[in-house]
Amino acid sequence: MTAPATSRAGGPGGSSSRASSPTSGTRDGTRRPEGTALAALATVRDPELDEPITTLGFVTSCTVSADGDARVRLRLPTYFCAPNFAFLMVADAYDAVSGVAGVRSTEVVLEDHFASDAINGGVAARAGFVASFDGEAVSELHELRADFLRKAVLAGTDQVCRPLLAAGTSRAALLAMTLGEVPASAALDRLRQRRAELGLPAGPGAPLLIDPATGERIREEAAPLHLRRARSTRISIEANSSICRGMLRHRYDSAGLGQAPEERRAQ
């Protein structure tokens, strides 16, 4: 049996699930509660892959009753996906949906996972990772999250620098460049967001090339290795993402909520 991650913040009353599409709107043009909740889930990322759980296909269902009771079902590519990664995603999903206006209670269930009961119960109780895995875990997951964010910064650096190098920008020019001097792009926005999440310099005057652990500008002699590390980190993340997508398609024959049309066709 899979125990749900659930909490109730409202008064008594039943719930009635809506059967409409979670992304459809109401007659007055506003988004249905399910659509708002799904949009909140789109802000939750797989910590290792640095992609939203929606586009990865990890959201099986998302409903919000007329009384504001939200119910979310999650899935992962394998039964033995790392429990620390899974815990972060379930906890982040719980927080994201709980923060949606009009939601009075949230239930998040991770299904088909060997540690579902411990994860779902721990998140519902707001117990933290160590208490949820009593006797097995020795620390919370803050540093793990930060480690993956640093990798995301490295990968994002490559995504921003590769087009510049391909266009003829020299390595010396990259070293002197600030974020404000980089042409606008989705990759740049993503890099700045990840840096800001780590408390690293992310303003227009910040150097493009920085150490993701310290925030210090990369020195000239360290630039070749830094750029190679950025490239290898990006390739590794993209390869893992492809593997996870393939395993998910093999495990489930249905697309997840919020997946892009091309991802749905692949299912």
Protein backbone atom coordinates (compact mmCIF):
# COMPACT_ATOMS: atom_id res chain seq x y z
CA MET A 1 0.00 0.00 0.00
CA THR A 2 1.25 3.50 -0.82
CA ALA A 3 0.77 6.03 1.95
CA PRO A 4 -0.13 9.55 0.74
CA ALA A 5 1.70 12.74 1.56
CA THR A 6 -1.28 14.75 2.72
CA SER A 7 -2.23 17.62 4.99
CA ARG A 8 -5.50 19.44 5.66
CA ALA A 9 -5.67 23.12 6.47
CA GLY A 10 -9.40 23.78 6.10
CA GLY A 11 -12.57 22.90 7.98
CA PRO A 12 -14.93 19.96 7.61
CA GLY A 13 -16.55 19.08 4.34
CA GLY A 14 -16.41 16.57 1.56
CA SER A 15 -14.61 16.83 -1.74
CA SER A 16 -15.72 16.37 -5.30
CA SER A 17 -13.06 15.84 -7.96
CA ARG A 18 -13.39 17.76 -11.20
CA ALA A 19 -13.33 15.62 -14.30
CA SER A 20 -12.28 18.33 -16.75
CA SER A 21 -8.86 18.76 -18.30
CA PRO A 22 -6.39 20.23 -15.78
CA THR A 23 -5.25 22.84 -18.29
CA SER A 24 -8.70 23.98 -19.43
CA GLY A 25 -10.22 27.28 -18.37
CA THR A 26 -13.55 28.37 -16.94
CA ARG A 27 -16.28 30.28 -18.77
CA ASP A 28 -15.02 33.59 -17.42
CA GLY A 29 -11.58 32.90 -18.91
CA THR A 30 -9.79 32.09 -15.65
CA ARG A 31 -7.69 28.97 -15.25
CA ARG A 32 -9.25 26.00 -13.48
CA PRO A 33 -7.69 25.05 -10.12
CA GLU A 34 -6.09 21.97 -11.68
CA GLY A 35 -4.37 24.15 -14.25
CA THR A 36 -2.97 26.42 -11.56
CA ALA A 37 -1.79 23.42 -9.55
CA LEU A 38 -0.18 21.88 -12.63
CA ALA A 39 1.56 25.17 -13.37
CA ALA A 40 2.92 25.06 -9.82
CA LEU A 41 4.18 21.52 -10.41
CA ALA A 42 6.00 22.78 -13.51
CA THR A 43 8.26 24.77 -11.15
CA VAL A 44 9.39 21.54 -9.46
CA ARG A 45 12.56 20.11 -10.98
CA ASP A 46 14.27 16.76 -10.92
CA PRO A 47 17.38 17.74 -8.94
CA GLU A 48 19.74 15.61 -11.02
CA LEU A 49 18.32 16.34 -14.47
CA ASP A 50 17.47 20.01 -13.80
CA GLU A 51 14.18 19.71 -15.70
CA PRO A 52 10.57 20.18 -14.59
CA ILE A 53 8.85 17.01 -13.43
CA THR A 54 5.99 17.89 -15.78
CA THR A 55 8.04 17.86 -18.98
CA LEU A 56 9.80 14.69 -17.81
CA GLY A 57 6.43 12.92 -17.54
CA PHE A 58 6.60 12.30 -13.79
CA VAL A 59 3.11 13.71 -13.03
CA THR A 60 0.46 11.01 -13.45
CA SER A 61 -2.51 13.06 -12.26
CA CYS A 62 -3.39 16.36 -10.62
CA THR A 63 -6.89 17.23 -9.43
CA VAL A 64 -8.37 19.92 -7.21
CA SER A 65 -11.85 19.47 -5.75
CA ALA A 66 -14.48 22.18 -5.46
CA ASP A 67 -13.52 22.45 -1.78
CA GLY A 68 -9.84 23.02 -2.56
CA ASP A 69 -8.50 19.52 -1.87
CA ALA A 70 -5.53 18.89 -4.19
CA ARG A 71 -4.51 15.35 -5.12
CA VAL A 72 -1.28 14.66 -7.02
CA ARG A 73 0.13 11.33 -8.21
CA LEU A 74 3.80 11.08 -9.20
CA ARG A 75 5.82 8.33 -10.87
CA LEU A 76 9.49 7.76 -11.66
CA PRO A 77 11.40 5.84 -14.34
CA THR A 78 12.31 2.89 -12.10
CA TYR A 79 11.21 1.22 -8.88
CA PHE A 80 14.65 1.85 -7.38
CA CYS A 81 15.22 5.52 -8.23
CA ALA A 82 17.38 7.10 -5.53
CA PRO A 83 15.17 7.82 -2.49
CA ASN A 84 16.91 11.12 -1.73
CA PHE A 85 16.13 12.45 -5.22
CA ALA A 86 12.56 11.14 -4.96
CA PHE A 87 12.08 12.73 -1.53
CA LEU A 88 13.15 16.14 -2.84
CA MET A 89 10.68 15.96 -5.72
CA VAL A 90 7.75 14.84 -3.56
CA ALA A 91 8.52 17.49 -0.92
CA ASP A 92 8.89 20.22 -3.56
CA ALA A 93 5.65 19.13 -5.25
CA TYR A 94 3.85 19.25 -1.90
CA ASP A 95 5.14 22.76 -1.19
CA ALA A 96 4.37 24.02 -4.70
CA VAL A 97 0.76 22.82 -4.74
CA SER A 98 0.13 23.83 -1.12
CA GLY A 99 1.05 27.38 -2.07
CA VAL A 100 -1.62 27.64 -4.78
CA ALA A 101 -4.41 30.07 -3.93
CA GLY A 102 -7.60 28.25 -2.99
CA VAL A 103 -5.91 24.95 -2.09
CA ARG A 104 -6.80 24.03 1.49
CA SER A 105 -5.23 20.56 1.62
CA THR A 106 -2.63 18.74 -0.41
CA GLU A 107 -2.02 15.05 -0.92
CA VAL A 108 1.01 13.89 -2.91
CA VAL A 109 1.51 10.21 -3.62
CA LEU A 110 4.65 8.77 -5.18
CA GLU A 111 3.59 5.46 -6.70
CA ASP A 112 5.47 2.31 -7.73
CA HIS A 113 8.63 3.07 -5.71
CA PHE A 114 10.31 0.88 -3.11
CA ALA A 115 10.40 3.74 -0.57
CA SER A 116 6.97 5.24 -1.33
CA ASP A 117 5.56 4.76 2.16
CA ALA A 118 8.54 6.37 3.92
CA ILE A 119 8.71 9.26 1.46
CA ASN A 120 4.98 9.99 1.28
CA GLY A 121 4.50 9.69 5.02
CA GLY A 122 7.56 11.78 5.83
CA VAL A 123 6.59 14.58 3.47
CA ALA A 124 3.01 14.65 4.80
CA ALA A 125 4.30 14.86 8.36
CA ARG A 126 6.89 17.52 7.40
CA ALA A 127 9.37 15.24 9.09
CA GLY A 128 12.41 15.84 6.91
CA PHE A 129 14.56 13.24 5.21
CA VAL A 130 16.46 12.02 8.29
CA ALA A 131 13.33 11.41 10.36
CA SER A 132 11.57 9.81 7.38
CA PHE A 133 14.42 7.31 7.03
CA ASP A 134 15.18 6.92 10.72
CA GLY A 135 18.37 4.96 11.25
CA GLU A 136 19.27 5.04 7.54
CA ALA A 137 19.81 8.73 6.67
CA VAL A 138 22.45 10.80 8.44
CA SER A 139 21.82 14.29 7.06
CA GLU A 140 19.20 16.45 5.38
CA LEU A 141 19.33 17.13 1.65
CA HIS A 142 20.27 20.81 1.51
CA GLU A 143 23.86 20.14 0.44
CA LEU A 144 22.75 17.56 -2.11
CA ARG A 145 20.40 20.12 -3.64
CA ALA A 146 23.21 22.70 -3.71
CA ASP A 147 25.59 20.20 -5.37
CA PHE A 148 23.12 19.61 -8.18
CA LEU A 149 22.51 23.33 -8.58
CA ARG A 150 26.26 23.82 -9.00
CA LYS A 151 26.23 21.20 -11.74
CA ALA A 152 23.27 22.99 -13.34
CA VAL A 153 25.29 26.21 -13.29
CA LEU A 154 28.20 24.46 -15.01
CA ALA A 155 25.92 22.90 -17.63
CA GLY A 156 24.19 26.25 -18.15
CA THR A 157 27.54 27.93 -18.62
CA ASP A 158 28.28 25.57 -21.51
CA GLN A 159 24.83 26.15 -23.01
CA VAL A 160 25.50 29.90 -23.02
CA CYS A 161 29.16 29.78 -24.09
CA ARG A 162 28.96 27.23 -26.92
CA PRO A 163 27.02 29.52 -29.32
CA LEU A 164 29.36 32.40 -28.47
CA LEU A 165 32.46 30.31 -29.22
CA ALA A 166 30.85 28.97 -32.40
CA ALA A 167 30.22 32.55 -33.51
CA GLY A 168 33.91 33.38 -33.12
CA THR A 169 34.08 34.79 -29.59
CA SER A 170 37.55 34.16 -28.17
CA ARG A 171 38.20 32.55 -24.81
CA ALA A 172 39.77 35.80 -23.63
CA ALA A 173 36.59 37.65 -24.57
CA LEU A 174 34.49 35.15 -22.60
CA LEU A 175 36.67 35.73 -19.54
CA ALA A 176 36.09 39.49 -19.77
CA MET A 177 32.38 39.21 -20.56
CA THR A 178 29.61 40.00 -18.08
CA LEU A 179 26.15 38.47 -18.05
CA GLY A 180 24.73 41.78 -19.26
CA GLU A 181 26.91 41.59 -22.37
CA VAL A 182 25.66 38.13 -23.37
CA PRO A 183 22.89 38.14 -26.01
CA ALA A 184 19.47 37.42 -24.49
CA SER A 185 18.37 33.79 -24.64
CA ALA A 186 16.42 31.20 -22.69
CA ALA A 187 19.72 29.54 -21.77
CA LEU A 188 21.00 32.80 -20.27
CA ASP A 189 17.81 33.31 -18.27
CA ARG A 190 18.10 29.77 -16.94
CA LEU A 191 21.75 30.23 -16.00
CA ARG A 192 21.01 33.44 -14.13
CA GLN A 193 18.15 31.78 -12.27
CA ARG A 194 20.31 28.85 -11.16
CA ARG A 195 23.07 31.17 -10.03
CA ALA A 196 20.59 33.27 -8.07
CA GLU A 197 19.23 30.16 -6.35
CA LEU A 198 22.74 29.43 -5.10
CA GLY A 199 23.31 33.01 -4.01
CA LEU A 200 25.91 33.48 -6.74
CA PRO A 201 26.34 36.74 -8.70
CA ALA A 202 23.56 36.85 -11.30
CA GLY A 203 23.17 40.53 -12.14
CA PRO A 204 24.11 42.14 -15.46
CA GLY A 205 27.53 43.17 -14.12
CA ALA A 206 28.45 39.68 -12.91
CA PRO A 207 31.20 37.79 -14.77
CA LEU A 208 30.03 35.15 -17.22
CA LEU A 209 32.64 32.63 -16.08
CA ILE A 210 32.64 31.98 -12.34
CA ASP A 211 33.44 29.13 -9.98
CA PRO A 212 30.02 27.68 -9.03
CA ALA A 213 31.32 26.82 -5.55
CA THR A 214 32.74 30.25 -4.63
CA GLY A 215 31.26 32.71 -7.13
CA GLU A 216 34.74 34.02 -7.96
CA ARG A 217 35.69 34.96 -11.51
CA ILE A 218 37.57 32.22 -13.37
CA ARG A 219 41.24 33.05 -13.90
CA GLU A 220 42.75 32.90 -17.38
CA GLU A 221 44.88 29.84 -16.67
CA ALA A 222 41.85 27.96 -15.28
CA ALA A 223 39.52 28.78 -18.18
CA PRO A 224 40.28 25.78 -20.46
CA LEU A 225 39.60 23.25 -17.69
CA HIS A 226 36.52 25.17 -16.53
CA LEU A 227 35.00 25.15 -20.02
CA ARG A 228 35.78 21.43 -20.45
CA ARG A 229 34.11 20.68 -17.11
CA ALA A 230 31.09 22.73 -18.14
CA ARG A 231 30.79 20.83 -21.41
CA SER A 232 31.19 17.38 -19.82
CA THR A 233 28.65 18.25 -17.12
CA ARG A 234 26.09 19.32 -19.73
CA ILE A 235 26.64 16.16 -21.77
CA SER A 236 26.28 13.99 -18.66
CA ILE A 237 23.02 15.65 -17.60
CA GLU A 238 21.56 15.41 -21.10
CA ALA A 239 22.57 11.73 -21.38
CA ASN A 240 20.97 10.93 -18.01
CA SER A 241 17.83 12.77 -19.08
CA SER A 242 17.60 10.72 -22.27
CA ILE A 243 18.10 7.47 -20.34
CA CYS A 244 15.42 8.38 -17.80
CA ARG A 245 12.94 9.30 -20.52
CA GLY A 246 13.56 5.99 -22.24
CA MET A 247 13.09 3.99 -19.04
CA LEU A 248 9.89 5.89 -18.23
CA ARG A 249 8.47 5.15 -21.70
CA HIS A 250 9.34 1.48 -21.26
CA ARG A 251 7.73 1.35 -17.81
CA TYR A 252 4.53 3.27 -18.58
CA ASP A 253 2.49 3.42 -21.78
CA SER A 254 0.85 6.76 -21.01
CA ALA A 255 2.14 10.33 -21.18
CA GLY A 256 2.38 12.44 -18.06
CA LEU A 257 0.47 15.65 -17.41
CA GLY A 258 2.25 18.71 -18.74
CA GLN A 259 4.50 16.92 -21.20
CA ALA A 260 5.32 18.74 -24.44
CA PRO A 261 3.56 17.45 -27.59
CA GLU A 262 6.75 15.82 -28.90
CA GLU A 263 7.21 13.99 -25.61
CA ARG A 264 3.61 12.78 -25.74
CA ARG A 265 4.10 11.47 -29.27
CA ALA A 266 7.15 9.54 -28.08
CA GLN A 267 4.95 7.73 -25.54
